[in-house]
Amino acid sequence: MLEGHKEIEVPADVPVWDVDPYDPAVLADPLDYYAELRSKGPFAYIPKYSILTCGRYEETKEVFSDWERFVSSRGVGIQDFNLEEPWRPLSIVLEVDPPEHTRTRAVIERALSPRSVANQKETYSTAADKLIDGLLEKGTFEAMEELAETYPTTVFPEAVGLRETDRQRLVDYGEMVFNALGPNNELRRNAMAKGPEVVPWIMERCQREQLTLDGFGSTIYAASDTGEITEEEAGLLVRSLLSAGVDTTVTALGSAIWCLANNPDQFDLLKAKPDKARWAFEETMRFTSPVHSFYRTANVVTEVSGIKIAEGTKILCVLAAANRDENHWPEPDKFDIDRRPSQHLALGVGVHACVGQNVARAEGYAVLMSIAKKVESIELAGETVWRPNNSIRSLAHLPVTFWGK
């Protein structure tokens, strides 16, 4: 075994690429890596980890969406859960496949239904307006900490129904979950070192007695009362909300501010038509891909684009590369809020598409709508620093100045 999965032979007609996707330099500035990956063809073999990787749109979408051939139940990280014990109880949404996945996802989809999220719209908008007003008073601020982290860690725990919240622990837990999907490198070790403090706190917050009666969490626990799921499964589903519903939204919001600051012409379009906030958020997700990569495991001997793939092969699906594929997107390296990129892969595709995407979009739209109405210009106020992570691409520091209208 290597990194918790079995080593494979190099498939015929697949180039061997001596690259480390988890090299800090690659994680800090990955665009050349994405472009070279696409140029390699349908797949490349990375000997350091004995994995296949794909970054062109068509193959990435096929592997990522075909749950019967390329499963999530063996882990969406580099480890194969058929061979190695997972570091925490499995996510019963992210790390299971149908038919089990169908049962549990139905419960969480009901809790996060469009109607449920729509009921939060006024709350999201009010919170966004209050936050942006406060930031306009400050003028210059750290956008990651004071906007991108503050907003979702305020409104989302309340929507879930958490009686007690802690911004830093929520952010740390999300960072740990996504770093855990990578190899046993320094990023993973440093993140996992926070586990003894953060994980028990998260698990306690997910218990029924810790939740209000009017949140998403209460709806999930109601399904355990009818026997649709068990009480233990209800707690794990609430945990799924907290692990996947914070860090990715933090990342997307920070990236949206960065995109608008670097593309003032696009911000002018947004100010002129604030209802473009929806597409500005979608284009941000395509352009920056908050989750840059996830794994699938070949559960059978199969073939994609003429390449034979052995059972047990770990495939690194580089969603961020697919979202910049020049054969699918016109001018893929241009940030364009008129693009309407509804086919982007940033939120996944198929049965394992992000279950919380309605919430993420509602939060993103609320913040960008408020900014479009209240902010005249956004200027970078210092050095922008990206935070390396094995699975997400997020800014660590984004100092900006908001000028009011």
Protein backbone atom coordinates (compact mmCIF):
# COMPACT_ATOMS: atom_id res chain seq x y z
CA MET A 1 0.00 0.00 0.00
CA LEU A 2 0.95 3.63 -0.47
CA GLU A 3 -0.79 6.45 1.43
CA GLY A 4 -3.55 4.07 2.46
CA HIS A 5 -4.40 2.68 -0.98
CA LYS A 6 -3.01 0.01 -3.24
CA GLU A 7 -0.30 0.78 -5.76
CA ILE A 8 -1.26 0.41 -9.41
CA GLU A 9 0.48 -0.29 -12.69
CA VAL A 10 0.72 2.58 -15.15
CA PRO A 11 -2.14 2.11 -17.66
CA ALA A 12 -1.23 1.94 -21.34
CA ASP A 13 -1.13 5.31 -23.12
CA VAL A 14 -1.12 7.28 -19.86
CA PRO A 15 1.85 9.63 -19.38
CA VAL A 16 3.91 9.41 -16.19
CA TRP A 17 4.07 12.85 -14.62
CA ASP A 18 6.62 13.46 -11.89
CA VAL A 19 4.70 16.15 -10.04
CA ASP A 20 3.46 16.53 -6.48
CA PRO A 21 -0.03 18.08 -6.44
CA TYR A 22 0.47 18.77 -2.73
CA ASP A 23 3.75 20.64 -3.07
CA PRO A 24 3.33 23.97 -1.21
CA ALA A 25 4.47 25.85 -4.32
CA VAL A 26 1.80 24.12 -6.43
CA LEU A 27 -0.92 24.76 -3.86
CA ALA A 28 0.09 28.42 -3.62
CA ASP A 29 0.01 29.04 -7.38
CA PRO A 30 -1.66 26.13 -9.20
CA LEU A 31 -2.68 27.57 -12.58
CA ASP A 32 0.35 26.24 -14.49
CA TYR A 33 -0.19 22.83 -12.86
CA TYR A 34 -3.84 22.84 -13.98
CA ALA A 35 -2.90 23.76 -17.55
CA GLU A 36 -0.16 21.13 -17.80
CA LEU A 37 -2.49 18.49 -16.36
CA ARG A 38 -5.06 19.19 -19.08
CA SER A 39 -2.33 19.03 -21.73
CA LYS A 40 -1.37 15.49 -20.63
CA GLY A 41 -4.57 14.01 -22.06
CA PRO A 42 -7.46 12.25 -20.33
CA PHE A 43 -5.31 11.08 -17.40
CA ALA A 44 -1.81 11.29 -16.01
CA TYR A 45 -0.09 8.87 -13.62
CA ILE A 46 1.62 10.41 -10.59
CA PRO A 47 4.28 7.97 -9.30
CA LYS A 48 4.82 9.73 -5.96
CA TYR A 49 1.36 8.57 -4.87
CA SER A 50 0.59 5.83 -7.44
CA ILE A 51 -2.62 7.55 -8.51
CA LEU A 52 -4.28 8.68 -11.70
CA THR A 53 -5.35 12.29 -12.05
CA CYS A 54 -7.67 14.03 -14.49
CA GLY A 55 -8.25 17.71 -15.18
CA ARG A 56 -10.08 17.97 -18.49
CA TYR A 57 -13.77 18.77 -18.19
CA GLU A 58 -15.29 15.72 -19.88
CA GLU A 59 -13.27 13.02 -18.10
CA THR A 60 -13.46 14.80 -14.75
CA LYS A 61 -17.23 15.08 -14.99
CA GLU A 62 -17.57 11.43 -16.05
CA VAL A 63 -15.44 10.08 -13.20
CA PHE A 64 -16.93 12.42 -10.63
CA SER A 65 -20.55 11.69 -11.50
CA ASP A 66 -20.56 7.93 -12.20
CA TRP A 67 -21.04 6.59 -8.67
CA GLU A 68 -21.46 2.99 -9.82
CA ARG A 69 -17.97 2.74 -11.33
CA PHE A 70 -16.19 5.43 -9.33
CA VAL A 71 -17.32 5.25 -5.73
CA SER A 72 -17.16 7.67 -2.82
CA SER A 73 -17.70 4.95 -0.21
CA ARG A 74 -14.02 4.01 -0.36
CA GLY A 75 -13.13 7.58 0.61
CA VAL A 76 -13.08 10.88 -1.26
CA GLY A 77 -9.47 11.39 -0.17
CA ILE A 78 -6.30 9.52 -1.04
CA GLN A 79 -6.94 6.73 1.49
CA ASP A 80 -8.99 3.68 0.46
CA PHE A 81 -11.44 2.90 3.25
CA ASN A 82 -11.58 -0.72 2.10
CA LEU A 83 -7.95 -0.95 3.20
CA GLU A 84 -7.48 1.71 5.88
CA GLU A 85 -9.63 2.77 8.83
CA PRO A 86 -11.01 6.31 8.39
CA TRP A 87 -9.93 8.94 10.93
CA ARG A 88 -13.54 9.61 12.00
CA PRO A 89 -16.91 7.87 11.58
CA LEU A 90 -17.80 7.99 7.89
CA SER A 91 -19.86 10.84 6.56
CA ILE A 92 -23.16 9.14 5.76
CA VAL A 93 -23.72 11.54 2.87
CA LEU A 94 -20.29 12.25 1.40
CA GLU A 95 -18.68 8.84 1.94
CA VAL A 96 -21.48 6.40 1.10
CA ASP A 97 -23.10 5.47 -2.20
CA PRO A 98 -26.64 4.48 -3.20
CA PRO A 99 -28.81 2.90 -1.98
CA GLU A 100 -27.63 3.90 1.52
CA HIS A 101 -26.77 7.36 0.28
CA THR A 102 -30.26 7.82 -1.17
CA ARG A 103 -31.88 7.28 2.23
CA THR A 104 -29.69 9.67 4.20
CA ARG A 105 -29.44 12.33 1.51
CA ALA A 106 -33.23 12.50 1.29
CA VAL A 107 -33.33 13.58 4.94
CA ILE A 108 -30.70 16.28 4.61
CA GLU A 109 -32.15 17.52 1.32
CA ARG A 110 -35.51 17.96 3.02
CA ALA A 111 -33.88 19.98 5.79
CA LEU A 112 -32.07 22.15 3.22
CA SER A 113 -34.91 22.35 0.71
CA PRO A 114 -35.32 25.47 -1.44
CA ARG A 115 -38.32 26.44 0.70
CA SER A 116 -36.36 26.04 3.95
CA VAL A 117 -33.52 28.14 2.60
CA ALA A 118 -35.92 30.72 1.18
CA ASN A 119 -37.34 31.15 4.67
CA GLN A 120 -33.86 32.29 5.74
CA LYS A 121 -33.53 34.86 2.94
CA GLU A 122 -34.49 37.89 5.00
CA THR A 123 -32.22 36.78 7.85
CA TYR A 124 -29.30 36.36 5.44
CA SER A 125 -29.93 39.75 3.81
CA THR A 126 -30.27 41.59 7.11
CA ALA A 127 -27.09 40.02 8.46
CA ALA A 128 -25.21 40.86 5.25
CA ASP A 129 -26.35 44.49 5.32
CA LYS A 130 -25.36 44.86 8.96
CA LEU A 131 -21.93 43.36 8.32
CA ILE A 132 -21.22 45.46 5.22
CA ASP A 133 -22.36 48.65 6.99
CA GLY A 134 -19.90 47.93 9.79
CA LEU A 135 -17.06 47.25 7.36
CA LEU A 136 -17.78 50.47 5.47
CA GLU A 137 -17.34 52.35 8.74
CA LYS A 138 -13.94 50.71 9.19
CA GLY A 139 -12.90 51.32 5.59
CA THR A 140 -9.84 49.07 5.55
CA PHE A 141 -10.10 45.58 7.01
CA GLU A 142 -8.98 41.95 6.73
CA ALA A 143 -11.63 40.51 4.42
CA MET A 144 -11.01 36.85 5.20
CA GLU A 145 -11.39 37.17 8.96
CA GLU A 146 -13.86 40.04 9.17
CA LEU A 147 -16.12 39.19 6.22
CA ALA A 148 -15.56 35.76 4.65
CA GLU A 149 -15.24 33.93 7.98
CA THR A 150 -17.52 36.11 10.07
CA TYR A 151 -20.60 35.99 7.85
CA PRO A 152 -21.10 32.22 7.37
CA THR A 153 -19.99 31.38 10.92
CA THR A 154 -22.68 33.77 12.14
CA VAL A 155 -25.69 32.99 9.95
CA PHE A 156 -25.17 29.29 9.21
CA PRO A 157 -24.85 27.96 12.78
CA GLU A 158 -27.98 29.94 13.62
CA ALA A 159 -29.81 28.40 10.66
CA VAL A 160 -28.67 24.92 11.74
CA GLY A 161 -29.91 25.70 15.24
CA LEU A 162 -26.68 25.65 17.23
CA ARG A 163 -27.24 27.08 20.70
CA GLU A 164 -23.53 27.76 21.08
CA THR A 165 -21.07 28.64 18.35
CA ASP A 166 -17.36 29.35 18.02
CA ARG A 167 -16.07 30.86 14.78
CA GLN A 168 -12.51 29.61 15.13
CA ARG A 169 -13.48 26.04 15.98
CA LEU A 170 -15.85 25.86 13.02
CA VAL A 171 -13.14 27.14 10.67
CA ASP A 172 -10.52 24.82 12.19
CA TYR A 173 -12.82 21.81 11.81
CA GLY A 174 -13.49 22.56 8.15
CA GLU A 175 -9.77 23.01 7.52
CA MET A 176 -9.08 19.68 9.22
CA VAL A 177 -11.72 17.79 7.23
CA PHE A 178 -10.36 18.99 3.89
CA ASN A 179 -6.68 18.58 4.75
CA ALA A 180 -7.44 15.02 5.91
CA LEU A 181 -8.28 14.08 2.32
CA GLY A 182 -4.67 14.48 1.27
CA PRO A 183 -1.51 12.47 1.96
CA ASN A 184 0.24 12.31 5.30
CA ASN A 185 2.03 15.61 4.75
CA GLU A 186 2.67 18.53 7.06
CA LEU A 187 -0.66 20.15 6.21
CA ARG A 188 -2.57 17.04 7.21
CA ARG A 189 -0.53 16.46 10.37
CA ASN A 190 -0.89 20.06 11.55
CA ALA A 191 -4.62 20.05 10.90
CA MET A 192 -5.19 16.70 12.60
CA ALA A 193 -3.29 17.93 15.67
CA LYS A 194 -6.28 20.18 16.36
CA GLY A 195 -8.59 17.16 16.43
CA PRO A 196 -8.50 16.36 20.16
CA GLU A 197 -9.84 19.82 20.94
CA VAL A 198 -12.07 20.53 17.96
CA VAL A 199 -13.74 17.18 17.18
CA PRO A 200 -15.36 16.60 20.61
CA TRP A 201 -16.68 20.17 20.56
CA ILE A 202 -18.19 19.63 17.10
CA MET A 203 -19.75 16.28 18.04
CA GLU A 204 -21.30 17.76 21.16
CA ARG A 205 -22.83 20.64 19.17
CA CYS A 206 -24.48 18.07 16.87
CA GLN A 207 -26.49 16.41 19.64
CA ARG A 208 -30.22 17.04 19.77
CA GLU A 209 -30.18 18.75 23.16
CA GLN A 210 -27.68 21.30 21.82
CA LEU A 211 -30.00 22.39 18.99
CA THR A 212 -32.92 24.80 18.89
CA LEU A 213 -36.32 23.59 17.70
CA ASP A 214 -36.49 25.81 14.62
CA GLY A 215 -33.30 25.03 12.68
CA PHE A 216 -32.15 22.63 9.98
CA GLY A 217 -30.82 20.33 12.70
CA SER A 218 -34.24 19.94 14.30
CA THR A 219 -35.71 18.90 10.94
CA ILE A 220 -33.02 16.24 10.63
CA TYR A 221 -33.69 14.87 14.11
CA ALA A 222 -37.42 14.76 13.34
CA ALA A 223 -36.61 12.07 10.77
CA SER A 224 -35.14 9.93 13.55
CA ASP A 225 -38.45 10.15 15.42
CA THR A 226 -40.24 8.53 12.48
CA GLY A 227 -37.62 5.81 12.04
CA GLU A 228 -36.36 7.13 8.72
CA ILE A 229 -32.88 7.39 10.25
CA THR A 230 -31.45 6.57 13.67
CA GLU A 231 -30.63 9.16 16.33
CA GLU A 232 -26.93 8.48 15.77
CA GLU A 233 -27.33 9.05 12.03
CA ALA A 234 -29.11 12.33 12.75
CA GLY A 235 -26.08 13.55 14.67
CA LEU A 236 -23.79 12.55 11.80
CA LEU A 237 -25.97 14.42 9.31
CA VAL A 238 -25.80 17.57 11.43
CA ARG A 239 -22.03 17.08 11.52
CA SER A 240 -22.04 16.94 7.72
CA LEU A 241 -23.64 20.37 7.67
CA LEU A 242 -20.92 21.82 9.88
CA SER A 243 -18.01 20.15 8.08
CA ALA A 244 -19.06 21.00 4.53
CA GLY A 245 -21.20 24.08 5.09
CA VAL A 246 -18.68 26.52 6.53
CA ASP A 247 -15.18 26.29 5.08
CA THR A 248 -16.24 26.12 1.44
CA THR A 249 -18.52 29.15 1.85
CA VAL A 250 -15.77 31.04 3.66
CA THR A 251 -13.49 30.25 0.74
CA ALA A 252 -16.00 31.27 -1.93
CA LEU A 253 -16.86 34.58 -0.24
CA GLY A 254 -13.21 35.55 0.16
CA SER A 255 -12.50 34.60 -3.44
CA ALA A 256 -15.48 36.66 -4.63
CA ILE A 257 -14.10 39.79 -2.96
CA TRP A 258 -10.68 39.05 -4.46
CA CYS A 259 -12.16 38.61 -7.94
CA LEU A 260 -14.14 41.85 -7.76
CA ALA A 261 -11.17 43.81 -6.41
CA ASN A 262 -9.00 42.54 -9.26
CA ASN A 263 -11.67 43.08 -11.92
CA PRO A 264 -13.20 46.53 -11.32
CA ASP A 265 -15.01 46.41 -14.67
CA GLN A 266 -16.92 43.37 -13.43
CA PHE A 267 -17.68 45.11 -10.15
CA ASP A 268 -19.08 48.02 -12.16
CA LEU A 269 -21.40 45.57 -13.93
CA LEU A 270 -22.51 44.17 -10.58
CA LYS A 271 -23.19 47.62 -9.14
CA ALA A 272 -25.23 48.57 -12.21
CA LYS A 273 -27.30 45.40 -11.93
CA PRO A 274 -27.16 43.95 -8.39
CA ASP A 275 -29.33 41.03 -9.50
CA LYS A 276 -26.19 39.73 -11.24
CA ALA A 277 -25.00 38.74 -7.74
CA ARG A 278 -26.13 35.19 -8.47
CA TRP A 279 -23.94 34.86 -11.54
CA ALA A 280 -21.05 36.71 -9.93
CA PHE A 281 -21.04 34.05 -7.21
CA GLU A 282 -21.31 31.21 -9.74
CA GLU A 283 -18.47 32.65 -11.81
CA THR A 284 -16.37 33.00 -8.66
CA MET A 285 -16.86 29.29 -7.98
CA ARG A 286 -15.91 28.38 -11.54
CA PHE A 287 -12.96 30.76 -11.67
CA THR A 288 -11.45 29.91 -8.27
CA SER A 289 -12.97 26.47 -7.43
CA PRO A 290 -13.18 26.53 -3.60
CA VAL A 291 -12.73 22.73 -3.58
CA HIS A 292 -9.83 22.23 -5.97
CA SER A 293 -9.83 18.42 -5.96
CA PHE A 294 -11.56 15.31 -4.63
CA TYR A 295 -10.89 11.61 -5.16
CA ARG A 296 -12.96 8.77 -6.52
CA THR A 297 -12.01 5.07 -6.38
CA ALA A 298 -12.53 2.71 -9.30
CA ASN A 299 -14.75 -0.02 -7.86
CA VAL A 300 -14.54 -2.15 -11.01
CA VAL A 301 -12.21 -2.65 -13.95
CA THR A 302 -13.40 -0.03 -16.40
CA GLU A 303 -12.45 2.35 -19.19
CA VAL A 304 -12.68 6.11 -19.74
CA SER A 305 -11.73 7.84 -23.01
CA GLY A 306 -10.00 4.66 -24.16
CA ILE A 307 -7.89 4.36 -21.01
CA LYS A 308 -8.22 1.10 -19.06
CA ILE A 309 -8.50 1.65 -15.32
CA ALA A 310 -7.87 -1.10 -12.77
CA GLU A 311 -10.14 -1.80 -9.79
CA GLY A 312 -8.91 0.01 -6.70
CA THR A 313 -7.32 2.87 -8.65
CA LYS A 314 -7.45 6.17 -6.81
CA ILE A 315 -8.30 9.02 -9.19
CA LEU A 316 -7.61 12.61 -8.23
CA CYS A 317 -10.33 14.67 -9.91
CA VAL A 318 -8.97 18.20 -10.21
CA LEU A 319 -12.20 20.17 -10.38
CA ALA A 320 -10.34 23.47 -10.56
CA ALA A 321 -8.52 22.38 -13.72
CA ALA A 322 -11.77 21.22 -15.33
CA ASN A 323 -13.37 24.57 -14.53
CA ARG A 324 -10.63 26.25 -16.60
CA ASP A 325 -10.73 23.79 -19.53
CA GLU A 326 -10.34 25.85 -22.71
CA ASN A 327 -12.13 23.14 -24.69
CA HIS A 328 -15.26 23.65 -22.63
CA TRP A 329 -15.21 27.30 -21.56
CA PRO A 330 -14.62 30.26 -23.89
CA GLU A 331 -11.86 32.45 -22.44
CA PRO A 332 -11.65 30.32 -19.28
CA ASP A 333 -9.05 32.53 -17.61
CA LYS A 334 -11.31 35.58 -17.78
CA PHE A 335 -13.55 36.42 -14.81
CA ASP A 336 -16.88 37.28 -16.45
CA ILE A 337 -20.07 37.67 -14.41
CA ASP A 338 -22.13 37.55 -17.62
CA ARG A 339 -20.89 34.02 -18.31
CA ARG A 340 -23.65 32.11 -16.42
CA PRO A 341 -21.46 29.02 -15.86
CA SER A 342 -24.19 26.69 -14.66
CA GLN A 343 -22.20 23.61 -15.70
CA HIS A 344 -19.19 24.29 -13.47
CA LEU A 345 -18.00 21.44 -11.27
CA ALA A 346 -17.16 23.46 -8.16
CA LEU A 347 -20.13 22.00 -6.28
CA GLY A 348 -19.79 18.54 -7.75
CA VAL A 349 -22.23 16.81 -10.06
CA GLY A 350 -24.64 13.88 -9.92
CA VAL A 351 -25.85 12.14 -6.77
CA HIS A 352 -22.90 13.45 -4.77
CA ALA A 353 -23.32 17.10 -5.74
CA CYS A 354 -22.97 19.42 -2.76
CA VAL A 355 -26.07 18.90 -0.64
CA GLY A 356 -25.74 22.35 0.89
CA GLN A 357 -25.45 24.25 -2.36
CA ASN A 358 -28.78 26.04 -1.82
CA VAL A 359 -27.46 27.46 1.44
CA ALA A 360 -24.05 28.40 0.03
CA ARG A 361 -25.67 30.20 -2.88
CA ALA A 362 -28.16 32.02 -0.65
CA GLU A 363 -25.35 33.26 1.58
CA GLY A 364 -23.18 34.27 -1.37
CA TYR A 365 -26.00 36.10 -3.13
CA ALA A 366 -26.93 37.99 0.06
CA VAL A 367 -23.39 39.25 0.63
CA LEU A 368 -22.71 40.20 -2.99
CA MET A 369 -26.10 41.89 -3.31
CA SER A 370 -25.38 43.99 -0.23
CA ILE A 371 -21.93 44.92 -1.52
CA ALA A 372 -23.37 45.87 -4.92
CA LYS A 373 -25.89 48.20 -3.28
CA LYS A 374 -23.63 49.80 -0.68
CA VAL A 375 -20.00 49.74 -1.88
CA GLU A 376 -18.67 52.06 -4.58
CA SER A 377 -15.21 50.52 -4.96
CA ILE A 378 -13.07 47.70 -3.58
CA GLU A 379 -9.32 48.16 -3.41
CA LEU A 380 -6.63 45.76 -2.29
CA ALA A 381 -4.90 47.25 0.75
CA GLY A 382 -1.91 44.95 1.12
CA GLU A 383 -0.43 41.62 0.15
CA THR A 384 -2.83 38.83 -0.72
CA VAL A 385 -1.78 35.45 0.69
CA TRP A 386 -3.30 32.08 -0.25
CA ARG A 387 -3.74 29.44 2.46
CA PRO A 388 -2.41 26.02 1.36
CA ASN A 389 -4.82 23.14 1.87
CA ASN A 390 -4.86 19.62 0.46
CA SER A 391 -8.37 20.02 -0.97
CA ILE A 392 -9.55 23.63 -0.90
CA ARG A 393 -8.11 26.80 -2.39
CA SER A 394 -8.67 29.64 0.02
CA LEU A 395 -7.14 32.96 0.83
CA ALA A 396 -5.47 33.36 4.21
CA HIS A 397 -5.07 37.14 4.07
CA LEU A 398 -7.05 39.58 1.96
CA PRO A 399 -6.65 43.17 3.19
CA VAL A 400 -9.08 45.45 1.35
CA THR A 401 -10.65 48.88 1.52
CA PHE A 402 -14.37 49.42 0.93
CA TRP A 403 -15.38 52.88 -0.27
CA GLY A 404 -19.05 53.66 0.27
CA LYS A 405 -21.47 55.17 -2.20
